[in-house]
Every structure is written in structure tokens, then in C-alpha cells.
Amino acid sequence: MSELKEQLSPSFDVLLIPLQLEEEAAFLLYLKTAVDGDKLQNMIIKPFFEMKSMQHYASYVQSSPDILEIKSEEKIPLELTKGSVLIAVQHQFFLIDVKKVNTSTVQQTLMEPTVYGPQQALSEDILTNLNIIRHRYKEPTLKIEILELKDKTHNDIAIIYDDQTVKPAILKTIRKRLEGLDSPLIQSAGELQLYLNGKKFTLFPTLMLTERPDRICYNLDAGKVIIMIDGSPHALIAPVVFFDFMVSMEDNYHLFWITSFTLVLRYFGLITCLILPALYVAITSYNPDIFRTELALTVAGSRIGVPYPSFIEVLFMLIFMELLTEASIRLPKAISATATTVGGLILGSAATEAALTSNIMIIIVSAVAISSFVIPINEMSFSIRFCRYILLAFTTFFGTVGFILGFLGILMFLINKESFGEPYLKMYWKSRRSEKGVKSE
């Protein structure tokens, strides 16, 4: 134990404490900043002075539910840094988990807020998250596997799945990718998602980042695999298809027609966000005859005095809208809403008065900005926002033909994309349970 202490020194929080009672003694080695002092006192130190003999104390320690297996001597310093205490009693060594957890508070939903349904999200402690899932998904077929990252954090990763509905090939692929991770530092589920996406420069996510326990349970029932990392209040869902990103958990709590109506609104917002800026450029600059004569004259009249082509006008306004969106995220909450609202109003009115943009362009940019926020999952919203610039570039160089070819190119890219072996544009024509071959009793 002295050698282990020297190995961890010169850290100020390394303590090697002897427990002495008459002629019998035990030794404790731990890191003061990593362990819970109350648990250490009540579970380990206090019972030492209450036991009749060292044999009784050794049996007590050995029967602790928090005891850890000592796999090798080289692993002991790592376990000590995680909050374990090494106990030496009668030439026996025991490793007990008494770590101090300050991240077990369950947070409110921030990324996926809903009016109905659960309002509590996950915490940053992986054991608390697993407890939440166990309470919500009480199935004996629920399996949890724990892996340890090979980076400097040595964080635990949990692989969660329903053994009855999961596809073995998908589970094998996920295990292989996790075991093959080669990164110096991974501290969050979002960072882990980048390494598991498969390709470094992929545009559309092949895993879903979520904070909602109800979404996790619905996806477990559908045969998906959940991945959690200690220290992150989010979980990863794999595999996912494009249509999974358009579903809000609130859809499960509404009537059929209300859910259908909101889904139609989301897909309408998706199409609007993607094609409206490029469509405006295609019609005003290349094919104004598509409009009725009155509407074409109105659009042309609104652009009187604008000194540059429509694609520069669109690009100028879209970039400023992106700047406002980014500012609303980065600014403190107390001033973000006021700053971005005032900034947007001043920018819009000043740009039209200075003839830098048309009134119709202000309407289009506002509609695009609003429609981009109806997509429930942020990763897909960012991907669609990026795709509209690709579509705008094709339209700028090749006109209406470029607009059509660009849209078809994005569609073909999605058709050829896969998420852990599942087609990315897969449509569930049947219920998911019947597709998995699960018979309802």
C-alpha cells in the first residue's frame, strides 16, 4: 500500500490511514477528493471499532454490496481515482466503491420540451440514469452491458437493449465500434456520437441524441440499442432512420388527428426550410414566367432598387438570420430573447429601407427561420439548414434545372445512406413490433 501511495503522490489528497484497535489493525488507502466522507465513516471506519474481531470485520467488508473485484494490481490506482477505497485486513485486500457523486440530480428537459408527458430528463451520473430506465422499463429481457473507455477519462459506457427485440447484427456492430474507439478524450454523448457515426464528414446523423427517458423506452421496445456514457446527461439511440428525427414524444400523448396534423406541419416546415430560398432564386432569376403575371410583377416591383442579383440577396439575409440564431443560443438567457428580437426587427426594417433587400425576401427568410425550428431533434435541424445552402448553390449556378438536380441529389444521398445496416429512408409500413417478428400475447 505504501508503493501505491508513492505511485499516486505528490497529490495532496492521497491518504493512507491505519485503523488501530488494541493489537489489531487495518489500513485504508483512498483519495480524499474522490470518496464520500460520510459513507467512508459509516460503512468502513465505524464498523471496524464495533466488530468483535478482525475476522468478523473482514467478513463484513467482503459481504458489502459495493465491493469491487480486484482484477489486477495495475488496475487499483485507476479504481482509487474513481472513488474506491483499498482496505487491507489480515493480509487480505478489498476494494470498496464509496465514490462521491455530485452529478446525480435529475435535470429538466431542455432540448425536447413537451407540454404533456414526463418533464424530467436524465442526470450526469450513469447509475442514476440506469435506475431511471429500470423504473420505466420493467422487463426481464432488458440487458445492460458496461464497457470502459480506453482514453484518459476511463468513463463507463452502458449498452442497453431488449434481448427479445434487438437485432443481433446491429448489437454486434455497435460493440465492435465501441471497442475500437481510439480517442485521447471523450467526455460526452455528443462527442461519442461523432466517433460512432462511421464517417468523419457525414452530414446526416446516424445516431440520435436524446435526454428523454420516455423516448429511450419507446426505442427499446422497437428493438433499438441505447448507449450512455458516465458524465453526460444524454443518451444515444442506434440505429435511427430519417423519419425518427421528425417524431416528437408528444405525438404519443395526443389523439390520432391532432398527431397527424402536427406531423404534416413538421414535414411542411421541413420542405419550406430546405427549398424556399433556392426556389425563390430559381423563379426570380431564371424562370419568372412560372408565376402568374400579377404575382411576377409584384415580385419584380419589390426588388426595384436592389443593386445585386437575387442569390446574393438570399445569401446575405440567410447568413444574418443564422447569426441571430447563433447569438440567441450563446447569449445569457436574460438578454438573448430581447437582443435577437430587437436585432431582427432593426435589421429587417433597415435593410428594406436602404433597398438592400426586398420586402418579399424578408417574408421568405422569416418563414424559413420559423420552419427550421419545427424539427424536434436539433441535429436534423442543423443538417437541413446546411443542405439548403447546397441547394442554393446548385440553383445559383444552374437555375431551375440545378434546383431539381440538387434536390434529387440530396434525396439519392439519403436513399443510399445506412445507419448500422438499416436503410436511412426506411418507412415503417407495418408496426415496428410486427416488422421485428415479435408476437403480441
Protein backbone atom coordinates (compact mmCIF):
# COMPACT_ATOMS: atom_id res chain seq x y z
CA MET A 1 0.00 0.00 0.00
CA SER A 2 2.97 2.30 0.56
CA GLU A 3 4.07 1.63 -3.02
CA LEU A 4 0.59 2.52 -4.27
CA LYS A 5 0.67 5.74 -2.24
CA GLU A 6 4.02 6.71 -3.74
CA GLN A 7 2.63 5.96 -7.19
CA LEU A 8 -0.21 8.44 -6.65
CA SER A 9 1.93 11.07 -4.88
CA PRO A 10 2.63 14.01 -4.71
CA SER A 11 -1.15 14.65 -4.84
CA PHE A 12 -2.26 16.25 -1.58
CA ASP A 13 -5.42 14.15 -1.32
CA VAL A 14 -3.74 10.69 -1.16
CA LEU A 15 -4.30 9.28 2.32
CA LEU A 16 -3.01 6.06 3.89
CA ILE A 17 -4.76 5.70 7.25
CA PRO A 18 -4.19 2.95 9.84
CA LEU A 19 -7.12 1.76 11.96
CA GLN A 20 -5.78 0.52 15.30
CA LEU A 21 -7.73 -1.38 17.98
CA GLU A 22 -5.51 -2.87 20.70
CA GLU A 23 -3.10 -5.16 18.80
CA GLU A 24 -5.21 -5.49 15.67
CA ALA A 25 -5.01 -3.08 12.74
CA ALA A 26 -6.35 -2.41 9.26
CA PHE A 27 -5.17 0.05 6.64
CA LEU A 28 -7.16 2.29 4.29
CA LEU A 29 -5.83 3.89 1.10
CA TYR A 30 -8.03 6.38 -0.76
CA LEU A 31 -8.22 9.78 -2.44
CA LYS A 32 -9.93 12.29 -0.16
CA THR A 33 -11.38 14.35 -3.04
CA ALA A 34 -12.93 11.32 -4.74
CA VAL A 35 -14.66 9.50 -1.86
CA ASP A 36 -17.80 10.31 0.11
CA GLY A 37 -16.64 11.04 3.67
CA ASP A 38 -19.96 10.08 5.28
CA LYS A 39 -20.11 6.74 3.51
CA LEU A 40 -16.48 6.05 4.38
CA GLN A 41 -17.12 6.79 8.06
CA ASN A 42 -20.39 4.83 8.37
CA MET A 43 -19.60 1.86 6.11
CA ILE A 44 -15.91 1.22 6.79
CA ILE A 45 -14.37 3.10 9.73
CA LYS A 46 -17.19 2.91 12.30
CA PRO A 47 -17.84 -0.87 11.88
CA PHE A 48 -14.11 -1.53 12.46
CA PHE A 49 -14.39 -0.36 16.06
CA GLU A 50 -17.71 -2.15 16.59
CA MET A 51 -16.70 -5.62 15.37
CA LYS A 52 -15.53 -8.26 17.87
CA SER A 53 -12.54 -9.39 15.83
CA MET A 54 -10.66 -8.79 12.60
CA GLN A 55 -12.17 -11.94 11.16
CA HIS A 56 -15.66 -10.54 11.68
CA TYR A 57 -14.61 -7.23 10.12
CA ALA A 58 -13.08 -8.98 7.10
CA SER A 59 -16.30 -10.95 6.62
CA TYR A 60 -18.33 -7.74 6.94
CA VAL A 61 -16.23 -5.97 4.29
CA GLN A 62 -16.34 -8.97 1.98
CA SER A 63 -20.16 -9.04 2.13
CA SER A 64 -20.55 -5.36 1.18
CA PRO A 65 -22.77 -4.77 -1.89
CA ASP A 66 -20.30 -2.12 -3.08
CA ILE A 67 -17.28 -4.43 -3.20
CA LEU A 68 -15.34 -4.48 -6.46
CA GLU A 69 -13.32 -7.27 -7.98
CA ILE A 70 -9.55 -6.66 -7.95
CA LYS A 71 -8.68 -7.78 -11.48
CA SER A 72 -5.01 -6.84 -11.32
CA GLU A 73 -2.64 -4.74 -9.27
CA GLU A 74 -2.20 -2.30 -12.17
CA LYS A 75 -5.95 -1.51 -12.10
CA ILE A 76 -6.01 -0.48 -8.42
CA PRO A 77 -4.74 3.14 -8.91
CA LEU A 78 -7.39 3.66 -11.58
CA GLU A 79 -10.14 2.41 -9.25
CA LEU A 80 -8.84 4.69 -6.49
CA THR A 81 -9.15 7.71 -8.79
CA LYS A 82 -12.77 6.69 -9.45
CA GLY A 83 -13.62 6.90 -5.76
CA SER A 84 -12.85 3.48 -4.32
CA VAL A 85 -11.04 2.73 -1.06
CA LEU A 86 -8.48 -0.07 -0.71
CA ILE A 87 -8.72 -1.94 2.61
CA ALA A 88 -6.00 -4.24 3.96
CA VAL A 89 -7.25 -6.63 6.66
CA GLN A 90 -5.37 -9.76 7.80
CA HIS A 91 -3.23 -9.91 4.64
CA GLN A 92 -6.37 -9.59 2.52
CA PHE A 93 -7.14 -6.72 0.19
CA PHE A 94 -10.64 -5.42 -0.58
CA LEU A 95 -11.74 -2.65 -2.92
CA ILE A 96 -14.97 -0.86 -1.89
CA ASP A 97 -16.78 1.72 -4.01
CA VAL A 98 -17.52 4.82 -1.88
CA LYS A 99 -17.25 7.49 -4.58
CA LYS A 100 -18.77 10.88 -4.05
CA VAL A 101 -21.39 11.66 -6.70
CA ASN A 102 -22.31 15.32 -7.21
CA THR A 103 -23.97 14.82 -10.60
CA SER A 104 -26.92 12.59 -9.67
CA THR A 105 -29.52 15.39 -9.81
CA VAL A 106 -32.17 14.64 -12.45
CA GLN A 107 -32.49 17.61 -14.78
CA GLN A 108 -35.49 19.17 -16.53
CA THR A 109 -35.95 18.57 -20.25
CA LEU A 110 -34.28 21.37 -22.22
CA MET A 111 -33.65 20.07 -25.76
CA GLU A 112 -37.01 18.30 -26.24
CA PRO A 113 -39.60 20.13 -24.14
CA THR A 114 -43.22 18.95 -24.26
CA VAL A 115 -46.49 20.17 -22.76
CA TYR A 116 -47.71 16.66 -22.00
CA GLY A 117 -45.73 13.67 -20.79
CA PRO A 118 -42.75 13.40 -18.40
CA GLN A 119 -40.85 16.60 -17.67
CA GLN A 120 -37.80 15.01 -16.03
CA ALA A 121 -34.75 14.18 -18.16
CA LEU A 122 -31.57 12.31 -17.23
CA SER A 123 -28.69 13.13 -14.89
CA GLU A 124 -24.92 13.14 -15.40
CA ASP A 125 -24.46 10.02 -13.26
CA ILE A 126 -24.75 6.78 -15.25
CA LEU A 127 -26.06 4.73 -12.31
CA THR A 128 -28.87 7.23 -11.74
CA ASN A 129 -29.76 7.06 -15.44
CA LEU A 130 -29.82 3.26 -15.41
CA ASN A 131 -32.06 3.39 -12.34
CA ILE A 132 -34.48 5.72 -14.19
CA ILE A 133 -34.65 3.34 -17.15
CA ARG A 134 -35.12 0.29 -14.92
CA HIS A 135 -38.06 2.02 -13.23
CA ARG A 136 -39.68 2.89 -16.57
CA TYR A 137 -38.95 -0.34 -18.46
CA LYS A 138 -39.58 -3.23 -16.09
CA GLU A 139 -38.83 -6.12 -18.43
CA PRO A 140 -36.65 -9.11 -17.52
CA THR A 141 -35.36 -9.07 -21.11
CA LEU A 142 -33.75 -5.65 -20.59
CA LYS A 143 -29.98 -6.16 -20.70
CA ILE A 144 -27.24 -3.73 -19.65
CA GLU A 145 -23.58 -4.19 -20.60
CA ILE A 146 -20.81 -1.98 -19.19
CA LEU A 147 -17.64 -1.17 -21.12
CA GLU A 148 -14.78 1.08 -20.08
CA LEU A 149 -13.31 3.70 -22.37
CA LYS A 150 -9.63 3.35 -23.16
CA ASP A 151 -9.00 7.09 -23.11
CA LYS A 152 -7.79 9.26 -20.23
CA THR A 153 -11.25 9.58 -18.66
CA HIS A 154 -11.78 5.80 -18.31
CA ASN A 155 -15.50 6.52 -18.18
CA ASP A 156 -18.03 3.70 -18.18
CA ILE A 157 -20.21 3.18 -21.24
CA ALA A 158 -23.53 1.35 -20.89
CA ILE A 159 -25.06 -0.61 -23.78
CA ILE A 160 -28.78 -1.08 -23.12
CA TYR A 161 -31.13 -3.23 -25.20
CA ASP A 162 -34.13 -5.51 -25.04
CA ASP A 163 -32.88 -9.02 -25.71
CA GLN A 164 -36.23 -10.03 -27.22
CA THR A 165 -36.50 -7.30 -29.87
CA VAL A 166 -32.92 -6.24 -30.70
CA LYS A 167 -31.22 -7.39 -33.90
CA PRO A 168 -28.01 -9.33 -33.07
CA ALA A 169 -26.17 -7.96 -36.12
CA ILE A 170 -26.79 -4.35 -35.04
CA LEU A 171 -25.71 -5.12 -31.47
CA LYS A 172 -22.52 -6.76 -32.74
CA THR A 173 -21.70 -3.75 -34.93
CA ILE A 174 -22.17 -1.31 -32.03
CA ARG A 175 -19.99 -3.41 -29.72
CA LYS A 176 -17.27 -3.56 -32.38
CA ARG A 177 -17.28 0.21 -32.90
CA LEU A 178 -17.19 0.93 -29.18
CA GLU A 179 -14.34 -1.48 -28.58
CA GLY A 180 -12.41 0.04 -31.49
CA LEU A 181 -12.66 3.63 -30.26
CA ASP A 182 -9.31 5.39 -30.43
CA SER A 183 -9.56 8.87 -28.95
CA PRO A 184 -7.48 10.62 -26.27
CA LEU A 185 -10.51 12.11 -24.51
CA ILE A 186 -14.29 11.56 -24.73
CA GLN A 187 -16.42 13.33 -22.13
CA SER A 188 -19.97 13.50 -23.51
CA ALA A 189 -22.51 11.55 -25.52
CA GLY A 190 -22.37 14.16 -28.29
CA GLU A 191 -18.62 13.65 -28.65
CA LEU A 192 -19.12 9.88 -28.65
CA GLN A 193 -21.72 10.29 -31.40
CA LEU A 194 -19.10 11.85 -33.70
CA TYR A 195 -16.87 8.77 -33.38
CA LEU A 196 -19.73 6.29 -33.86
CA ASN A 197 -21.26 7.96 -36.92
CA GLY A 198 -18.95 5.86 -39.09
CA LYS A 199 -17.71 8.63 -41.36
CA LYS A 200 -15.90 11.75 -40.24
CA PHE A 201 -17.51 14.11 -42.75
CA THR A 202 -21.04 12.70 -42.70
CA LEU A 203 -23.78 15.31 -42.96
CA PHE A 204 -26.77 13.46 -41.51
CA PRO A 205 -26.51 11.82 -38.08
CA THR A 206 -26.80 8.03 -37.85
CA LEU A 207 -27.44 8.15 -34.10
CA MET A 208 -29.99 10.18 -32.17
CA LEU A 209 -29.02 12.21 -29.12
CA THR A 210 -31.83 12.38 -26.58
CA GLU A 211 -32.41 13.43 -22.99
CA ARG A 212 -35.89 11.94 -22.55
CA PRO A 213 -36.38 8.64 -20.67
CA ASP A 214 -39.73 8.06 -22.41
CA ARG A 215 -38.09 8.23 -25.86
CA ILE A 216 -35.46 5.78 -24.65
CA CYS A 217 -38.13 3.29 -23.50
CA TYR A 218 -40.13 3.56 -26.75
CA ASN A 219 -36.98 2.86 -28.75
CA LEU A 220 -36.00 -0.07 -26.53
CA ASP A 221 -39.39 -1.59 -27.27
CA ALA A 222 -38.76 -1.00 -31.00
CA GLY A 223 -35.53 -3.02 -30.93
CA LYS A 224 -33.07 -0.11 -30.78
CA VAL A 225 -29.84 -0.02 -28.78
CA ILE A 226 -29.23 2.73 -26.21
CA ILE A 227 -25.70 3.94 -25.43
CA MET A 228 -24.89 6.00 -22.33
CA ILE A 229 -21.63 7.44 -21.07
CA ASP A 230 -20.90 8.40 -17.49
CA GLY A 231 -20.79 12.16 -17.00
CA SER A 232 -23.26 13.04 -19.78
CA PRO A 233 -27.00 13.79 -19.30
CA HIS A 234 -27.81 12.46 -22.78
CA ALA A 235 -28.17 9.04 -24.37
CA LEU A 236 -27.55 7.79 -27.92
CA ILE A 237 -30.08 5.73 -29.87
CA ALA A 238 -28.99 3.44 -32.71
CA PRO A 239 -29.93 2.65 -35.39
CA VAL A 240 -32.17 5.52 -36.48
CA VAL A 241 -33.87 6.40 -39.75
CA PHE A 242 -34.66 9.84 -41.14
CA PHE A 243 -38.29 9.76 -40.02
CA ASP A 244 -37.32 9.12 -36.38
CA PHE A 245 -35.96 12.67 -36.20
CA MET A 246 -39.38 14.10 -37.14
CA VAL A 247 -41.23 12.42 -34.27
CA SER A 248 -41.85 14.24 -31.02
CA MET A 249 -42.67 12.33 -27.85
CA GLU A 250 -45.80 14.44 -27.54
CA ASP A 251 -47.21 12.59 -30.57
CA ASN A 252 -47.81 9.61 -28.27
CA TYR A 253 -49.98 11.66 -25.94
CA HIS A 254 -52.35 13.27 -28.48
CA LEU A 255 -55.33 11.98 -30.44
CA PHE A 256 -54.76 10.50 -33.91
CA TRP A 257 -55.95 13.52 -35.91
CA ILE A 258 -54.03 16.01 -33.79
CA THR A 259 -50.85 13.92 -34.14
CA SER A 260 -51.37 13.60 -37.91
CA PHE A 261 -51.92 17.35 -38.24
CA THR A 262 -48.73 18.22 -36.31
CA LEU A 263 -46.72 15.68 -38.34
CA VAL A 264 -47.95 17.26 -41.59
CA LEU A 265 -46.96 20.68 -40.22
CA ARG A 266 -43.46 19.42 -39.40
CA TYR A 267 -42.88 17.95 -42.85
CA PHE A 268 -44.26 21.12 -44.44
CA GLY A 269 -41.80 23.13 -42.34
CA LEU A 270 -39.00 20.76 -43.37
CA ILE A 271 -39.72 21.25 -47.09
CA THR A 272 -40.12 25.01 -46.61
CA CYS A 273 -36.80 25.30 -44.78
CA LEU A 274 -35.00 23.25 -47.43
CA ILE A 275 -36.32 24.54 -50.76
CA LEU A 276 -37.87 28.00 -50.29
CA PRO A 277 -34.66 30.13 -50.60
CA ALA A 278 -33.44 28.17 -53.64
CA LEU A 279 -36.93 28.20 -55.18
CA TYR A 280 -37.07 31.99 -54.82
CA VAL A 281 -33.76 32.36 -56.68
CA ALA A 282 -34.81 29.87 -59.39
CA ILE A 283 -38.05 31.71 -60.14
CA THR A 284 -36.94 35.35 -59.81
CA SER A 285 -33.63 35.00 -61.69
CA TYR A 286 -34.32 32.24 -64.22
CA ASN A 287 -38.00 31.40 -64.69
CA PRO A 288 -40.27 34.30 -63.61
CA ASP A 289 -42.88 33.06 -66.12
CA ILE A 290 -43.80 30.27 -63.68
CA PHE A 291 -45.74 32.85 -61.63
CA ARG A 292 -48.96 34.44 -62.73
CA THR A 293 -48.37 37.82 -64.38
CA GLU A 294 -49.70 39.82 -61.40
CA LEU A 295 -47.53 37.92 -58.91
CA ALA A 296 -44.44 38.14 -61.16
CA LEU A 297 -44.90 41.93 -61.43
CA THR A 298 -45.33 42.20 -57.64
CA VAL A 299 -42.08 40.29 -57.01
CA ALA A 300 -40.23 42.33 -59.65
CA GLY A 301 -41.62 45.58 -58.18
CA SER A 302 -40.45 44.67 -54.68
CA ARG A 303 -36.88 44.29 -56.00
CA ILE A 304 -36.73 47.75 -57.58
CA GLY A 305 -33.60 49.45 -56.30
CA VAL A 306 -31.89 46.28 -55.06
CA PRO A 307 -28.41 46.57 -56.60
CA TYR A 308 -27.40 42.90 -56.87
CA PRO A 309 -28.85 39.55 -58.07
CA SER A 310 -31.38 37.60 -56.04
CA PHE A 311 -28.96 34.86 -54.93
CA ILE A 312 -26.71 37.43 -53.20
CA GLU A 313 -29.78 38.92 -51.55
CA VAL A 314 -30.88 35.48 -50.30
CA LEU A 315 -27.40 34.55 -49.09
CA PHE A 316 -26.98 37.87 -47.30
CA MET A 317 -30.27 37.52 -45.40
CA LEU A 318 -29.82 33.83 -44.58
CA ILE A 319 -26.35 34.41 -43.10
CA PHE A 320 -27.64 37.22 -40.90
CA MET A 321 -30.51 35.02 -39.76
CA GLU A 322 -28.01 32.32 -38.84
CA LEU A 323 -26.02 34.90 -36.88
CA LEU A 324 -29.15 35.88 -34.95
CA THR A 325 -29.91 32.24 -34.20
CA GLU A 326 -26.37 31.58 -33.00
CA ALA A 327 -26.44 34.73 -30.87
CA SER A 328 -29.70 33.63 -29.21
CA ILE A 329 -28.01 30.36 -28.20
CA ARG A 330 -24.75 31.88 -26.92
CA LEU A 331 -26.06 34.96 -25.12
CA PRO A 332 -27.18 34.78 -21.47
CA LYS A 333 -30.85 33.87 -21.15
CA ALA A 334 -31.72 37.19 -19.51
CA ILE A 335 -30.87 39.20 -22.66
CA SER A 336 -30.91 36.66 -25.53
CA ALA A 337 -34.61 37.00 -26.40
CA THR A 338 -34.59 40.81 -26.26
CA ALA A 339 -31.31 41.18 -28.17
CA THR A 340 -32.25 38.84 -31.02
CA THR A 341 -35.82 40.18 -31.35
CA VAL A 342 -34.68 43.82 -31.47
CA GLY A 343 -31.77 42.90 -33.76
CA GLY A 344 -34.08 41.08 -36.18
CA LEU A 345 -36.61 43.93 -36.30
CA ILE A 346 -33.96 46.61 -36.82
CA LEU A 347 -32.12 44.54 -39.42
CA GLY A 348 -35.28 43.79 -41.41
CA SER A 349 -36.65 47.33 -41.46
CA ALA A 350 -33.27 48.96 -42.12
CA ALA A 351 -32.42 46.54 -44.95
CA THR A 352 -35.69 47.21 -46.78
CA GLU A 353 -35.48 50.99 -46.32
CA ALA A 354 -31.91 51.02 -47.65
CA ALA A 355 -33.01 48.93 -50.68
CA LEU A 356 -30.55 46.19 -49.75
CA THR A 357 -33.31 43.59 -49.88
CA SER A 358 -36.95 43.30 -50.90
CA ASN A 359 -39.99 43.03 -48.66
CA ILE A 360 -40.78 39.59 -50.07
CA MET A 361 -37.26 38.42 -49.12
CA ILE A 362 -37.91 39.45 -45.50
CA ILE A 363 -41.08 37.31 -45.50
CA ILE A 364 -39.25 34.34 -47.04
CA VAL A 365 -36.33 34.49 -44.58
CA SER A 366 -38.73 34.78 -41.64
CA ALA A 367 -40.73 31.78 -42.88
CA VAL A 368 -37.52 29.76 -43.36
CA ALA A 369 -36.25 30.67 -39.88
CA ILE A 370 -39.53 29.69 -38.21
CA SER A 371 -39.89 26.46 -40.19
CA SER A 372 -36.36 25.32 -39.27
CA PHE A 373 -37.39 25.20 -35.59
CA VAL A 374 -40.33 22.81 -36.06
CA ILE A 375 -37.95 19.83 -36.46
CA PRO A 376 -37.95 18.17 -33.00
CA ILE A 377 -34.31 16.97 -32.99
CA ASN A 378 -31.58 19.62 -33.26
CA GLU A 379 -29.08 17.50 -35.21
CA MET A 380 -31.51 17.05 -38.09
CA SER A 381 -32.43 20.73 -37.98
CA PHE A 382 -28.75 21.68 -38.41
CA SER A 383 -28.35 19.19 -41.27
CA ILE A 384 -31.37 20.59 -43.15
CA ARG A 385 -30.17 24.15 -42.61
CA PHE A 386 -26.83 23.21 -44.17
CA CYS A 387 -28.49 21.40 -47.08
CA ARG A 388 -30.42 24.50 -48.10
CA TYR A 389 -27.09 26.23 -48.84
CA ILE A 390 -26.07 23.30 -51.04
CA LEU A 391 -29.39 23.56 -52.88
CA LEU A 392 -28.97 27.34 -53.15
CA ALA A 393 -25.50 26.90 -54.72
CA PHE A 394 -26.83 24.45 -57.33
CA THR A 395 -29.68 26.83 -58.18
CA THR A 396 -27.38 29.83 -58.42
CA PHE A 397 -25.10 28.15 -60.98
CA PHE A 398 -27.60 26.05 -62.96
CA GLY A 399 -31.01 27.66 -62.46
CA THR A 400 -34.21 25.67 -62.16
CA VAL A 401 -32.52 22.57 -63.58
CA GLY A 402 -29.85 22.84 -60.88
CA PHE A 403 -32.58 23.20 -58.25
CA ILE A 404 -34.23 19.96 -59.39
CA LEU A 405 -30.92 18.08 -59.73
CA GLY A 406 -29.73 19.32 -56.33
CA PHE A 407 -32.93 18.18 -54.63
CA LEU A 408 -32.72 14.79 -56.33
CA GLY A 409 -29.05 14.52 -55.33
CA ILE A 410 -29.88 15.07 -51.65
CA LEU A 411 -32.69 12.52 -51.94
CA MET A 412 -30.39 9.95 -53.59
CA PHE A 413 -27.76 10.55 -50.90
CA LEU A 414 -30.33 9.77 -48.20
CA ILE A 415 -31.55 6.67 -50.08
CA ASN A 416 -28.00 5.25 -50.24
CA LYS A 417 -27.19 6.08 -46.61
CA GLU A 418 -27.40 3.47 -43.83
CA SER A 419 -27.48 3.57 -40.05
CA PHE A 420 -25.82 0.45 -38.63
CA GLY A 421 -27.14 -1.62 -41.53
CA GLU A 422 -30.64 -0.07 -41.59
CA PRO A 423 -31.69 1.97 -44.67
CA TYR A 424 -31.82 5.65 -43.71
CA LEU A 425 -35.08 6.32 -45.58
CA LYS A 426 -36.76 3.16 -44.34
CA MET A 427 -40.52 3.57 -43.93
CA TYR A 428 -42.38 1.52 -41.36
CA TRP A 429 -45.38 0.43 -43.38
CA LYS A 430 -46.16 -2.18 -40.74
CA SER A 431 -45.95 -1.75 -37.00
CA ARG A 432 -42.42 -1.96 -35.66
CA ARG A 433 -43.15 -4.95 -33.47
CA SER A 434 -44.56 -6.95 -36.39
CA GLU A 435 -41.53 -5.98 -38.50
CA LYS A 436 -39.25 -7.32 -35.77
CA GLY A 437 -41.24 -10.55 -35.70
CA VAL A 438 -42.37 -10.04 -32.10
CA LYS A 439 -45.68 -11.72 -31.39
CA SER A 440 -48.02 -9.91 -29.05
CA GLU A 441 -49.53 -12.15 -26.43
